[in-house]
PDB file of N, CA and C in Angstrom:
ATOM      1  N   MET A   1     -11.152  11.542 -69.496  1.00  0.00           N
ATOM      2  CA  MET A   1      -9.795  11.710 -69.944  1.00  0.00           C
ATOM      3  C   MET A   1      -8.849  11.391 -68.787  1.00  0.00           C
ATOM      4  N   ILE A   2      -7.832  10.602 -69.041  1.00  0.00           N
ATOM      5  CA  ILE A   2      -6.838  10.266 -68.027  1.00  0.00           C
ATOM      6  C   ILE A   2      -5.679  11.242 -68.147  1.00  0.00           C
ATOM      7  N   MET A   3      -5.310  11.857 -67.025  1.00  0.00           N
ATOM      8  CA  MET A   3      -4.203  12.799 -67.020  1.00  0.00           C
ATOM      9  C   MET A   3      -2.948  12.083 -66.542  1.00  0.00           C
ATOM     10  N   LEU A   4      -1.903  12.153 -67.308  1.00  0.00           N
ATOM     11  CA  LEU A   4      -0.633  11.537 -66.956  1.00  0.00           C
ATOM     12  C   LEU A   4       0.369  12.604 -66.580  1.00  0.00           C
ATOM     13  N   PRO A   5       1.466  12.221 -65.871  1.00  0.00           N
ATOM     14  CA  PRO A   5       2.478  13.210 -65.515  1.00  0.00           C
ATOM     15  C   PRO A   5       2.951  13.963 -66.751  1.00  0.00           C
ATOM     16  N   GLY A   6       3.158  15.241 -66.568  1.00  0.00           N
ATOM     17  CA  GLY A   6       3.656  16.064 -67.661  1.00  0.00           C
ATOM     18  C   GLY A   6       2.563  16.698 -68.499  1.00  0.00           C
ATOM     19  N   ASN A   7       1.302  16.288 -68.336  1.00  0.00           N
ATOM     20  CA  ASN A   7       0.217  16.877 -69.108  1.00  0.00           C
ATOM     21  C   ASN A   7      -0.068  18.287 -68.613  1.00  0.00           C
ATOM     22  N   PRO A   8      -0.338  19.201 -69.526  1.00  0.00           N
ATOM     23  CA  PRO A   8      -0.749  20.531 -69.087  1.00  0.00           C
ATOM     24  C   PRO A   8      -2.061  20.412 -68.311  1.00  0.00           C
ATOM     25  N   GLY A   9      -2.267  21.280 -67.383  1.00  0.00           N
ATOM     26  CA  GLY A   9      -3.494  21.241 -66.611  1.00  0.00           C
ATOM     27  C   GLY A   9      -3.321  20.542 -65.272  1.00  0.00           C
ATOM     28  N   TRP A  10      -2.130  20.000 -65.016  1.00  0.00           N
ATOM     29  CA  TRP A  10      -1.875  19.331 -63.744  1.00  0.00           C
ATOM     30  C   TRP A  10      -1.068  20.240 -62.841  1.00  0.00           C
ATOM     31  N   GLY A  11      -1.221  21.538 -62.947  1.00  0.00           N
ATOM     32  CA  GLY A  11      -0.324  22.399 -62.228  1.00  0.00           C
ATOM     33  C   GLY A  11      -0.870  23.163 -61.052  1.00  0.00           C
ATOM     34  N   SER A  12      -2.181  23.339 -60.925  1.00  0.00           N
ATOM     35  CA  SER A  12      -2.624  24.230 -59.862  1.00  0.00           C
ATOM     36  C   SER A  12      -3.907  23.759 -59.205  1.00  0.00           C
ATOM     37  N   GLY A  13      -4.217  24.431 -58.110  1.00  0.00           N
ATOM     38  CA  GLY A  13      -5.478  24.254 -57.419  1.00  0.00           C
ATOM     39  C   GLY A  13      -5.799  22.846 -56.989  1.00  0.00           C
ATOM     40  N   ARG A  14      -7.036  22.435 -57.278  1.00  0.00           N
ATOM     41  CA  ARG A  14      -7.514  21.121 -56.850  1.00  0.00           C
ATOM     42  C   ARG A  14      -6.707  19.985 -57.471  1.00  0.00           C
ATOM     43  N   ILE A  15      -6.213  20.189 -58.679  1.00  0.00           N
ATOM     44  CA  ILE A  15      -5.438  19.134 -59.335  1.00  0.00           C
ATOM     45  C   ILE A  15      -4.128  18.910 -58.588  1.00  0.00           C
ATOM     46  N   THR A  16      -3.458  19.983 -58.152  1.00  0.00           N
ATOM     47  CA  THR A  16      -2.235  19.841 -57.367  1.00  0.00           C
ATOM     48  C   THR A  16      -2.538  19.128 -56.052  1.00  0.00           C
ATOM     49  N   THR A  17      -3.633  19.485 -55.416  1.00  0.00           N
ATOM     50  CA  THR A  17      -4.028  18.822 -54.171  1.00  0.00           C
ATOM     51  C   THR A  17      -4.255  17.335 -54.407  1.00  0.00           C
ATOM     52  N   ALA A  18      -4.880  16.990 -55.519  1.00  0.00           N
ATOM     53  CA  ALA A  18      -5.114  15.578 -55.856  1.00  0.00           C
ATOM     54  C   ALA A  18      -3.796  14.857 -56.112  1.00  0.00           C
ATOM     55  N   ARG A  19      -2.869  15.524 -56.777  1.00  0.00           N
ATOM     56  CA  ARG A  19      -1.567  14.907 -57.034  1.00  0.00           C
ATOM     57  C   ARG A  19      -0.806  14.666 -55.734  1.00  0.00           C
ATOM     58  N   ILE A  20      -0.878  15.617 -54.806  1.00  0.00           N
ATOM     59  CA  ILE A  20      -0.208  15.449 -53.510  1.00  0.00           C
ATOM     60  C   ILE A  20      -0.829  14.261 -52.769  1.00  0.00           C
ATOM     61  N   ALA A  21      -2.149  14.171 -52.780  1.00  0.00           N
ATOM     62  CA  ALA A  21      -2.821  13.049 -52.116  1.00  0.00           C
ATOM     63  C   ALA A  21      -2.420  11.720 -52.762  1.00  0.00           C
ATOM     64  N   ALA A  22      -2.367  11.677 -54.090  1.00  0.00           N
ATOM     65  CA  ALA A  22      -1.968  10.452 -54.790  1.00  0.00           C
ATOM     66  C   ALA A  22      -0.511  10.100 -54.487  1.00  0.00           C
ATOM     67  N   THR A  23       0.339  11.115 -54.382  1.00  0.00           N
ATOM     68  CA  THR A  23       1.751  10.891 -54.056  1.00  0.00           C
ATOM     69  C   THR A  23       1.880  10.329 -52.645  1.00  0.00           C
ATOM     70  N   LYS A  24       1.140  10.878 -51.698  1.00  0.00           N
ATOM     71  CA  LYS A  24       1.170  10.365 -50.321  1.00  0.00           C
ATOM     72  C   LYS A  24       0.704   8.911 -50.277  1.00  0.00           C
ATOM     73  N   TYR A  25      -0.325   8.606 -51.041  1.00  0.00           N
ATOM     74  CA  TYR A  25      -0.822   7.231 -51.088  1.00  0.00           C
ATOM     75  C   TYR A  25       0.261   6.294 -51.648  1.00  0.00           C
ATOM     76  N   GLU A  26       0.912   6.714 -52.726  1.00  0.00           N
ATOM     77  CA  GLU A  26       1.964   5.891 -53.322  1.00  0.00           C
ATOM     78  C   GLU A  26       3.155   5.761 -52.368  1.00  0.00           C
ATOM     79  N   GLU A  27       3.536   6.832 -51.690  1.00  0.00           N
ATOM     80  CA  GLU A  27       4.622   6.752 -50.705  1.00  0.00           C
ATOM     81  C   GLU A  27       4.266   5.775 -49.595  1.00  0.00           C
ATOM     82  N   GLU A  28       3.011   5.769 -49.179  1.00  0.00           N
ATOM     83  CA  GLU A  28       2.574   4.832 -48.141  1.00  0.00           C
ATOM     84  C   GLU A  28       2.683   3.392 -48.635  1.00  0.00           C
ATOM     85  N   ARG A  29       2.342   3.152 -49.891  1.00  0.00           N
ATOM     86  CA  ARG A  29       2.471   1.816 -50.475  1.00  0.00           C
ATOM     87  C   ARG A  29       3.945   1.403 -50.565  1.00  0.00           C
ATOM     88  N   ILE A  30       4.809   2.332 -50.963  1.00  0.00           N
ATOM     89  CA  ILE A  30       6.245   2.040 -51.006  1.00  0.00           C
ATOM     90  C   ILE A  30       6.736   1.741 -49.597  1.00  0.00           C
ATOM     91  N   ALA A  31       6.303   2.540 -48.625  1.00  0.00           N
ATOM     92  CA  ALA A  31       6.725   2.357 -47.232  1.00  0.00           C
ATOM     93  C   ALA A  31       6.310   0.985 -46.708  1.00  0.00           C
ATOM     94  N   THR A  32       5.108   0.555 -47.034  1.00  0.00           N
ATOM     95  CA  THR A  32       4.639  -0.767 -46.597  1.00  0.00           C
ATOM     96  C   THR A  32       5.559  -1.857 -47.133  1.00  0.00           C
ATOM     97  N   LYS A  33       5.891  -1.771 -48.409  1.00  0.00           N
ATOM     98  CA  LYS A  33       6.774  -2.775 -49.020  1.00  0.00           C
ATOM     99  C   LYS A  33       8.172  -2.691 -48.412  1.00  0.00           C
ATOM    100  N   LEU A  34       8.677  -1.481 -48.198  1.00  0.00           N
ATOM    101  CA  LEU A  34      10.006  -1.314 -47.589  1.00  0.00           C
ATOM    102  C   LEU A  34      10.060  -1.927 -46.196  1.00  0.00           C
ATOM    103  N   LYS A  35       9.028  -1.670 -45.394  1.00  0.00           N
ATOM    104  CA  LYS A  35       8.984  -2.230 -44.033  1.00  0.00           C
ATOM    105  C   LYS A  35       9.041  -3.749 -44.087  1.00  0.00           C
ATOM    106  N   GLN A  36       8.303  -4.335 -45.012  1.00  0.00           N
ATOM    107  CA  GLN A  36       8.305  -5.788 -45.156  1.00  0.00           C
ATOM    108  C   GLN A  36       9.689  -6.284 -45.578  1.00  0.00           C
ATOM    109  N   LEU A  37      10.297  -5.611 -46.532  1.00  0.00           N
ATOM    110  CA  LEU A  37      11.625  -6.014 -46.999  1.00  0.00           C
ATOM    111  C   LEU A  37      12.675  -5.863 -45.907  1.00  0.00           C
ATOM    112  N   LEU A  38      12.626  -4.757 -45.193  1.00  0.00           N
ATOM    113  CA  LEU A  38      13.639  -4.494 -44.171  1.00  0.00           C
ATOM    114  C   LEU A  38      13.523  -5.443 -42.986  1.00  0.00           C
ATOM    115  N   SER A  39      12.336  -5.977 -42.757  1.00  0.00           N
ATOM    116  CA  SER A  39      12.177  -6.900 -41.636  1.00  0.00           C
ATOM    117  C   SER A  39      12.407  -8.361 -42.030  1.00  0.00           C
ATOM    118  N   SER A  40      12.478  -8.646 -43.336  1.00  0.00           N
ATOM    119  CA  SER A  40      12.571 -10.046 -43.743  1.00  0.00           C
ATOM    120  C   SER A  40      13.816 -10.387 -44.560  1.00  0.00           C
ATOM    121  N   THR A  41      14.635  -9.415 -44.877  1.00  0.00           N
ATOM    122  CA  THR A  41      15.808  -9.686 -45.715  1.00  0.00           C
ATOM    123  C   THR A  41      17.042  -9.039 -45.102  1.00  0.00           C
ATOM    124  N   PRO A  42      18.214  -9.369 -45.639  1.00  0.00           N
ATOM    125  CA  PRO A  42      19.408  -8.644 -45.199  1.00  0.00           C
ATOM    126  C   PRO A  42      19.247  -7.153 -45.510  1.00  0.00           C
ATOM    127  N   PRO A  43      20.032  -6.305 -44.888  1.00  0.00           N
ATOM    128  CA  PRO A  43      19.894  -4.866 -45.111  1.00  0.00           C
ATOM    129  C   PRO A  43      19.977  -4.492 -46.594  1.00  0.00           C
ATOM    130  N   LEU A  44      19.183  -3.506 -46.982  1.00  0.00           N
ATOM    131  CA  LEU A  44      19.225  -3.013 -48.354  1.00  0.00           C
ATOM    132  C   LEU A  44      20.367  -2.013 -48.493  1.00  0.00           C
ATOM    133  N   PHE A  45      21.159  -2.178 -49.520  1.00  0.00           N
ATOM    134  CA  PHE A  45      22.240  -1.252 -49.812  1.00  0.00           C
ATOM    135  C   PHE A  45      22.148  -0.844 -51.268  1.00  0.00           C
ATOM    136  N   GLY A  46      22.839   0.217 -51.611  1.00  0.00           N
ATOM    137  CA  GLY A  46      22.914   0.625 -53.005  1.00  0.00           C
ATOM    138  C   GLY A  46      22.313   1.990 -53.233  1.00  0.00           C
ATOM    139  N   ASP A  47      22.341   2.370 -54.500  1.00  0.00           N
ATOM    140  CA  ASP A  47      21.809   3.674 -54.882  1.00  0.00           C
ATOM    141  C   ASP A  47      20.286   3.601 -54.993  1.00  0.00           C
ATOM    142  N   ASN A  48      19.690   4.708 -55.389  1.00  0.00           N
ATOM    143  CA  ASN A  48      18.235   4.806 -55.482  1.00  0.00           C
ATOM    144  C   ASN A  48      17.665   3.737 -56.415  1.00  0.00           C
ATOM    145  N   GLN A  49      18.334   3.492 -57.547  1.00  0.00           N
ATOM    146  CA  GLN A  49      17.844   2.485 -58.490  1.00  0.00           C
ATOM    147  C   GLN A  49      17.843   1.087 -57.876  1.00  0.00           C
ATOM    148  N   ALA A  50      18.890   0.750 -57.120  1.00  0.00           N
ATOM    149  CA  ALA A  50      18.971  -0.568 -56.494  1.00  0.00           C
ATOM    150  C   ALA A  50      17.849  -0.754 -55.467  1.00  0.00           C
ATOM    151  N   ILE A  51      17.556   0.286 -54.712  1.00  0.00           N
ATOM    152  CA  ILE A  51      16.485   0.198 -53.716  1.00  0.00           C
ATOM    153  C   ILE A  51      15.128   0.076 -54.415  1.00  0.00           C
ATOM    154  N   HIS A  52      14.934   0.826 -55.495  1.00  0.00           N
ATOM    155  CA  HIS A  52      13.696   0.706 -56.265  1.00  0.00           C
ATOM    156  C   HIS A  52      13.526  -0.718 -56.792  1.00  0.00           C
ATOM    157  N   ARG A  53      14.593  -1.295 -57.318  1.00  0.00           N
ATOM    158  CA  ARG A  53      14.507  -2.674 -57.829  1.00  0.00           C
ATOM    159  C   ARG A  53      14.099  -3.631 -56.716  1.00  0.00           C
ATOM    160  N   ALA A  54      14.646  -3.440 -55.528  1.00  0.00           N
ATOM    161  CA  ALA A  54      14.296  -4.310 -54.399  1.00  0.00           C
ATOM    162  C   ALA A  54      12.821  -4.155 -54.025  1.00  0.00           C
ATOM    163  N   VAL A  55      12.311  -2.925 -54.085  1.00  0.00           N
ATOM    164  CA  VAL A  55      10.911  -2.670 -53.732  1.00  0.00           C
ATOM    165  C   VAL A  55       9.974  -3.214 -54.807  1.00  0.00           C
ATOM    166  N   LEU A  56      10.348  -3.043 -56.068  1.00  0.00           N
ATOM    167  CA  LEU A  56       9.458  -3.425 -57.162  1.00  0.00           C
ATOM    168  C   LEU A  56       9.497  -4.908 -57.492  1.00  0.00           C
ATOM    169  N   THR A  57      10.562  -5.584 -57.099  1.00  0.00           N
ATOM    170  CA  THR A  57      10.664  -7.021 -57.335  1.00  0.00           C
ATOM    171  C   THR A  57      11.085  -7.664 -56.021  1.00  0.00           C
ATOM    172  N   SER A  58      10.643  -8.860 -55.802  1.00  0.00           N
ATOM    173  CA  SER A  58      10.995  -9.538 -54.564  1.00  0.00           C
ATOM    174  C   SER A  58      11.105 -11.025 -54.815  1.00  0.00           C
ATOM    175  N   ALA A  59      12.220 -11.603 -54.361  1.00  0.00           N
ATOM    176  CA  ALA A  59      12.386 -13.055 -54.469  1.00  0.00           C
ATOM    177  C   ALA A  59      11.483 -13.768 -53.469  1.00  0.00           C
ATOM    178  N   ASP A  60      11.059 -13.061 -52.440  1.00  0.00           N
ATOM    179  CA  ASP A  60      10.200 -13.640 -51.412  1.00  0.00           C
ATOM    180  C   ASP A  60       8.753 -13.622 -51.899  1.00  0.00           C
ATOM    181  N   THR A  61       8.236 -14.780 -52.236  1.00  0.00           N
ATOM    182  CA  THR A  61       6.880 -14.855 -52.775  1.00  0.00           C
ATOM    183  C   THR A  61       5.809 -14.599 -51.714  1.00  0.00           C
ATOM    184  N   ASN A  62       6.200 -14.526 -50.448  1.00  0.00           N
ATOM    185  CA  ASN A  62       5.236 -14.227 -49.394  1.00  0.00           C
ATOM    186  C   ASN A  62       4.924 -12.736 -49.299  1.00  0.00           C
ATOM    187  N   LEU A  63       5.762 -11.897 -49.948  1.00  0.00           N
ATOM    188  CA  LEU A  63       5.535 -10.459 -49.906  1.00  0.00           C
ATOM    189  C   LEU A  63       4.688 -10.029 -51.094  1.00  0.00           C
ATOM    190  N   PRO A  64       3.738  -9.137 -50.881  1.00  0.00           N
ATOM    191  CA  PRO A  64       2.938  -8.662 -52.012  1.00  0.00           C
ATOM    192  C   PRO A  64       3.806  -7.866 -52.980  1.00  0.00           C
ATOM    193  N   VAL A  65       3.442  -7.907 -54.234  1.00  0.00           N
ATOM    194  CA  VAL A  65       4.179  -7.167 -55.252  1.00  0.00           C
ATOM    195  C   VAL A  65       3.673  -5.731 -55.254  1.00  0.00           C
ATOM    196  N   PHE A  66       4.604  -4.784 -55.294  1.00  0.00           N
ATOM    197  CA  PHE A  66       4.244  -3.373 -55.382  1.00  0.00           C
ATOM    198  C   PHE A  66       4.333  -2.955 -56.844  1.00  0.00           C
ATOM    199  N   LYS A  67       3.251  -2.426 -57.383  1.00  0.00           N
ATOM    200  CA  LYS A  67       3.236  -1.960 -58.768  1.00  0.00           C
ATOM    201  C   LYS A  67       2.930  -0.468 -58.764  1.00  0.00           C
ATOM    202  N   PRO A  68       3.931   0.351 -59.074  1.00  0.00           N
ATOM    203  CA  PRO A  68       3.703   1.803 -59.076  1.00  0.00           C
ATOM    204  C   PRO A  68       2.834   2.240 -60.257  1.00  0.00           C
ATOM    205  N   HIS A  69       2.324   3.452 -60.173  1.00  0.00           N
ATOM    206  CA  HIS A  69       1.548   4.009 -61.281  1.00  0.00           C
ATOM    207  C   HIS A  69       2.404   4.147 -62.532  1.00  0.00           C
ATOM    208  N   TRP A  70       3.610   4.677 -62.365  1.00  0.00           N
ATOM    209  CA  TRP A  70       4.511   4.889 -63.495  1.00  0.00           C
ATOM    210  C   TRP A  70       5.938   4.564 -63.080  1.00  0.00           C
ATOM    211  N   THR A  71       6.759   4.121 -64.052  1.00  0.00           N
ATOM    212  CA  THR A  71       8.192   3.932 -63.839  1.00  0.00           C
ATOM    213  C   THR A  71       8.947   4.555 -65.003  1.00  0.00           C
ATOM    214  N   ASN A  72      10.238   4.829 -64.764  1.00  0.00           N
ATOM    215  CA  ASN A  72      11.081   5.334 -65.845  1.00  0.00           C
ATOM    216  C   ASN A  72      11.862   4.172 -66.452  1.00  0.00           C
ATOM    217  N   ALA A  73      12.723   4.476 -67.414  1.00  0.00           N
ATOM    218  CA  ALA A  73      13.509   3.443 -68.102  1.00  0.00           C
ATOM    219  C   ALA A  73      14.453   2.715 -67.153  1.00  0.00           C
ATOM    220  N   ALA A  74      14.854   3.355 -66.059  1.00  0.00           N
ATOM    221  CA  ALA A  74      15.747   2.737 -65.074  1.00  0.00           C
ATOM    222  C   ALA A  74      14.986   1.849 -64.091  1.00  0.00           C
ATOM    223  N   GLY A  75      13.654   1.826 -64.187  1.00  0.00           N
ATOM    224  CA  GLY A  75      12.855   0.999 -63.303  1.00  0.00           C
ATOM    225  C   GLY A  75      12.486   1.659 -61.989  1.00  0.00           C
ATOM    226  N   GLU A  76      12.696   2.967 -61.872  1.00  0.00           N
ATOM    227  CA  GLU A  76      12.345   3.679 -60.647  1.00  0.00           C
ATOM    228  C   GLU A  76      10.872   4.094 -60.693  1.00  0.00           C
ATOM    229  N   ALA A  77      10.187   3.984 -59.544  1.00  0.00           N
ATOM    230  CA  ALA A  77       8.806   4.454 -59.439  1.00  0.00           C
ATOM    231  C   ALA A  77       8.813   5.980 -59.541  1.00  0.00           C
ATOM    232  N   LEU A  78       7.851   6.514 -60.283  1.00  0.00           N
ATOM    233  CA  LEU A  78       7.755   7.963 -60.482  1.00  0.00           C
ATOM    234  C   LEU A  78       6.596   8.544 -59.683  1.00  0.00           C
ATOM    235  N   ASP A  79       6.807   9.766 -59.190  1.00  0.00           N
ATOM    236  CA  ASP A  79       5.727  10.454 -58.488  1.00  0.00           C
ATOM    237  C   ASP A  79       4.729  10.996 -59.508  1.00  0.00           C
ATOM    238  N   MET A  80       3.730  11.712 -59.053  1.00  0.00           N
ATOM    239  CA  MET A  80       2.669  12.200 -59.925  1.00  0.00           C
ATOM    240  C   MET A  80       3.122  13.317 -60.876  1.00  0.00           C
ATOM    241  N   TRP A  81       4.359  13.797 -60.705  1.00  0.00           N
ATOM    242  CA  TRP A  81       4.908  14.805 -61.595  1.00  0.00           C
ATOM    243  C   TRP A  81       5.958  14.204 -62.532  1.00  0.00           C
ATOM    244  N   GLY A  82       6.134  12.876 -62.466  1.00  0.00           N
ATOM    245  CA  GLY A  82       7.058  12.197 -63.365  1.00  0.00           C
ATOM    246  C   GLY A  82       8.499  12.161 -62.895  1.00  0.00           C
ATOM    247  N   THR A  83       8.741  12.450 -61.621  1.00  0.00           N
ATOM    248  CA  THR A  83      10.091  12.445 -61.055  1.00  0.00           C
ATOM    249  C   THR A  83      10.271  11.196 -60.188  1.00  0.00           C
ATOM    250  N   PRO A  84      11.430  10.523 -60.262  1.00  0.00           N
ATOM    251  CA  PRO A  84      11.629   9.335 -59.415  1.00  0.00           C
ATOM    252  C   PRO A  84      11.563   9.684 -57.927  1.00  0.00           C
ATOM    253  N   TYR A  85      10.906   8.812 -57.163  1.00  0.00           N
ATOM    254  CA  TYR A  85      10.940   8.963 -55.710  1.00  0.00           C
ATOM    255  C   TYR A  85      12.374   8.748 -55.249  1.00  0.00           C
ATOM    256  N   GLN A  86      12.802   9.515 -54.276  1.00  0.00           N
ATOM    257  CA  GLN A  86      14.099   9.289 -53.648  1.00  0.00           C
ATOM    258  C   GLN A  86      13.830   8.453 -52.402  1.00  0.00           C
ATOM    259  N   ILE A  87      14.434   7.273 -52.358  1.00  0.00           N
ATOM    260  CA  ILE A  87      14.265   6.385 -51.210  1.00  0.00           C
ATOM    261  C   ILE A  87      15.606   6.270 -50.520  1.00  0.00           C
ATOM    262  N   GLN A  88      15.634   6.648 -49.260  1.00  0.00           N
ATOM    263  CA  GLN A  88      16.887   6.642 -48.494  1.00  0.00           C
ATOM    264  C   GLN A  88      16.705   5.782 -47.249  1.00  0.00           C
ATOM    265  N   ILE A  89      17.567   4.768 -47.129  1.00  0.00           N
ATOM    266  CA  ILE A  89      17.585   3.960 -45.914  1.00  0.00           C
ATOM    267  C   ILE A  89      18.474   4.708 -44.932  1.00  0.00           C
ATOM    268  N   VAL A  90      17.905   5.177 -43.830  1.00  0.00           N
ATOM    269  CA  VAL A  90      18.625   6.009 -42.875  1.00  0.00           C
ATOM    270  C   VAL A  90      19.457   5.152 -41.933  1.00  0.00           C
ATOM    271  N   HIS A  91      18.814   4.157 -41.334  1.00  0.00           N
ATOM    272  CA  HIS A  91      19.517   3.266 -40.403  1.00  0.00           C
ATOM    273  C   HIS A  91      18.632   2.074 -40.121  1.00  0.00           C
ATOM    274  N   GLY A  92      19.141   0.885 -40.329  1.00  0.00           N
ATOM    275  CA  GLY A  92      18.371  -0.316 -40.027  1.00  0.00           C
ATOM    276  C   GLY A  92      17.050  -0.354 -40.753  1.00  0.00           C
ATOM    277  N   THR A  93      15.968  -0.168 -40.021  1.00  0.00           N
ATOM    278  CA  THR A  93      14.637  -0.187 -40.632  1.00  0.00           C
ATOM    279  C   THR A  93      14.036   1.209 -40.775  1.00  0.00           C
ATOM    280  N   ASN A  94      14.828   2.244 -40.563  1.00  0.00           N
ATOM    281  CA  ASN A  94      14.356   3.617 -40.736  1.00  0.00           C
ATOM    282  C   ASN A  94      14.667   4.088 -42.152  1.00  0.00           C
ATOM    283  N   PHE A  95      13.713   4.793 -42.740  1.00  0.00           N
ATOM    284  CA  PHE A  95      13.880   5.241 -44.121  1.00  0.00           C
ATOM    285  C   PHE A  95      13.098   6.521 -44.354  1.00  0.00           C
ATOM    286  N   VAL A  96      13.441   7.195 -45.457  1.00  0.00           N
ATOM    287  CA  VAL A  96      12.732   8.397 -45.889  1.00  0.00           C
ATOM    288  C   VAL A  96      12.406   8.211 -47.371  1.00  0.00           C
ATOM    289  N   ILE A  97      11.167   8.502 -47.737  1.00  0.00           N
ATOM    290  CA  ILE A  97      10.741   8.473 -49.136  1.00  0.00           C
ATOM    291  C   ILE A  97      10.377   9.904 -49.502  1.00  0.00           C
ATOM    292  N   ARG A  98      10.963  10.404 -50.573  1.00  0.00           N
ATOM    293  CA  ARG A  98      10.767  11.810 -50.936  1.00  0.00           C
ATOM    294  C   ARG A  98      10.314  11.933 -52.387  1.00  0.00           C
ATOM    295  N   SER A  99       9.254  12.713 -52.582  1.00  0.00           N
ATOM    296  CA  SER A  99       8.813  13.131 -53.913  1.00  0.00           C
ATOM    297  C   SER A  99       9.292  14.567 -54.094  1.00  0.00           C
ATOM    298  N   ALA A 100       9.776  14.894 -55.274  1.00  0.00           N
ATOM    299  CA  ALA A 100      10.257  16.254 -55.534  1.00  0.00           C
ATOM    300  C   ALA A 100       9.120  17.269 -55.603  1.00  0.00           C
ATOM    301  N   GLY A 101       7.896  16.797 -55.704  1.00  0.00           N
ATOM    302  CA  GLY A 101       6.753  17.709 -55.719  1.00  0.00           C
ATOM    303  C   GLY A 101       6.561  18.408 -57.052  1.00  0.00           C
ATOM    304  N   LYS A 102       5.714  19.418 -57.028  1.00  0.00           N
ATOM    305  CA  LYS A 102       5.269  20.119 -58.228  1.00  0.00           C
ATOM    306  C   LYS A 102       6.414  20.700 -59.051  1.00  0.00           C
ATOM    307  N   ASN A 103       7.453  21.224 -58.391  1.00  0.00           N
ATOM    308  CA  ASN A 103       8.527  21.870 -59.153  1.00  0.00           C
ATOM    309  C   ASN A 103       9.606  20.889 -59.620  1.00  0.00           C
ATOM    310  N   CYS A 104       9.467  19.609 -59.256  1.00  0.00           N
ATOM    311  CA  CYS A 104      10.377  18.537 -59.695  1.00  0.00           C
ATOM    312  C   CYS A 104      11.819  18.743 -59.237  1.00  0.00           C
ATOM    313  N   ILE A 105      12.014  19.475 -58.134  1.00  0.00           N
ATOM    314  CA  ILE A 105      13.348  19.704 -57.573  1.00  0.00           C
ATOM    315  C   ILE A 105      13.367  19.128 -56.159  1.00  0.00           C
ATOM    316  N   LEU A 106      14.261  18.163 -55.921  1.00  0.00           N
ATOM    317  CA  LEU A 106      14.369  17.559 -54.590  1.00  0.00           C
ATOM    318  C   LEU A 106      15.040  18.509 -53.606  1.00  0.00           C
ATOM    319  N   GLY A 107      14.564  18.480 -52.369  1.00  0.00           N
ATOM    320  CA  GLY A 107      15.226  19.204 -51.294  1.00  0.00           C
ATOM    321  C   GLY A 107      14.687  20.576 -50.991  1.00  0.00           C
ATOM    322  N   ASP A 108      13.514  20.924 -51.495  1.00  0.00           N
ATOM    323  CA  ASP A 108      12.956  22.228 -51.152  1.00  0.00           C
ATOM    324  C   ASP A 108      11.590  22.068 -50.486  1.00  0.00           C
ATOM    325  N   LYS A 109      10.913  23.183 -50.262  1.00  0.00           N
ATOM    326  CA  LYS A 109       9.715  23.176 -49.419  1.00  0.00           C
ATOM    327  C   LYS A 109       8.505  22.478 -50.026  1.00  0.00           C
ATOM    328  N   ASP A 110       8.482  22.251 -51.345  1.00  0.00           N
ATOM    329  CA  ASP A 110       7.293  21.598 -51.895  1.00  0.00           C
ATOM    330  C   ASP A 110       7.421  20.075 -51.982  1.00  0.00           C
ATOM    331  N   ASP A 111       8.537  19.530 -51.488  1.00  0.00           N
ATOM    332  CA  ASP A 111       8.703  18.078 -51.478  1.00  0.00           C
ATOM    333  C   ASP A 111       7.617  17.427 -50.619  1.00  0.00           C
ATOM    334  N   VAL A 112       7.198  16.236 -51.026  1.00  0.00           N
ATOM    335  CA  VAL A 112       6.260  15.434 -50.242  1.00  0.00           C
ATOM    336  C   VAL A 112       7.111  14.325 -49.624  1.00  0.00           C
ATOM    337  N   VAL A 113       7.300  14.385 -48.298  1.00  0.00           N
ATOM    338  CA  VAL A 113       8.263  13.509 -47.626  1.00  0.00           C
ATOM    339  C   VAL A 113       7.554  12.587 -46.649  1.00  0.00           C
ATOM    340  N   PHE A 114       7.807  11.296 -46.791  1.00  0.00           N
ATOM    341  CA  PHE A 114       7.330  10.295 -45.835  1.00  0.00           C
ATOM    342  C   PHE A 114       8.519   9.855 -45.018  1.00  0.00           C
ATOM    343  N   ASP A 115       8.489  10.103 -43.728  1.00  0.00           N
ATOM    344  CA  ASP A 115       9.583   9.707 -42.833  1.00  0.00           C
ATOM    345  C   ASP A 115       9.165   8.411 -42.155  1.00  0.00           C
ATOM    346  N   GLY A 116       9.802   7.310 -42.569  1.00  0.00           N
ATOM    347  CA  GLY A 116       9.463   6.000 -42.034  1.00  0.00           C
ATOM    348  C   GLY A 116       9.736   5.832 -40.563  1.00  0.00           C
ATOM    349  N   SER A 117      10.679   6.616 -40.020  1.00  0.00           N
ATOM    350  CA  SER A 117      10.947   6.509 -38.585  1.00  0.00           C
ATOM    351  C   SER A 117       9.843   7.163 -37.776  1.00  0.00           C
ATOM    352  N   GLU A 118       9.221   8.204 -38.350  1.00  0.00           N
ATOM    353  CA  GLU A 118       8.114   8.888 -37.675  1.00  0.00           C
ATOM    354  C   GLU A 118       6.769   8.398 -38.160  1.00  0.00           C
ATOM    355  N   LYS A 119       6.769   7.637 -39.264  1.00  0.00           N
ATOM    356  CA  LYS A 119       5.542   7.129 -39.896  1.00  0.00           C
ATOM    357  C   LYS A 119       4.579   8.262 -40.225  1.00  0.00           C
ATOM    358  N   ALA A 120       5.149   9.336 -40.785  1.00  0.00           N
ATOM    359  CA  ALA A 120       4.330  10.496 -41.112  1.00  0.00           C
ATOM    360  C   ALA A 120       4.963  11.302 -42.241  1.00  0.00           C
ATOM    361  N   TRP A 121       4.204  12.307 -42.719  1.00  0.00           N
ATOM    362  CA  TRP A 121       4.725  13.198 -43.754  1.00  0.00           C
ATOM    363  C   TRP A 121       5.221  14.460 -43.134  1.00  0.00           C
TER     364      TRP A 121
END
């Protein structure tokens, strides 16, 4: 059985640990694409949706295509809980990718955060 975001049973224990690991893996994939885009194109500007569009599509055929596990109607990549990743360009080639985590609320202690300037979570 394949478990998708929002399914009951994805809330605790080993399943939560697996979701966090999958989210970190997806954030790393987004980070790889962002690094490539930031080093090969003019600076990225815009809201979260505009940055997602830049990551998910690329006019540069030399860059690999990033295909997320899930997207919403706005075209944003979704984390393992069905919430759009927040992608913030901090300065130049520095960025932060944030998953809202299990409670689906951005900005609290259960967020899964990839800091591109530190290259870590």
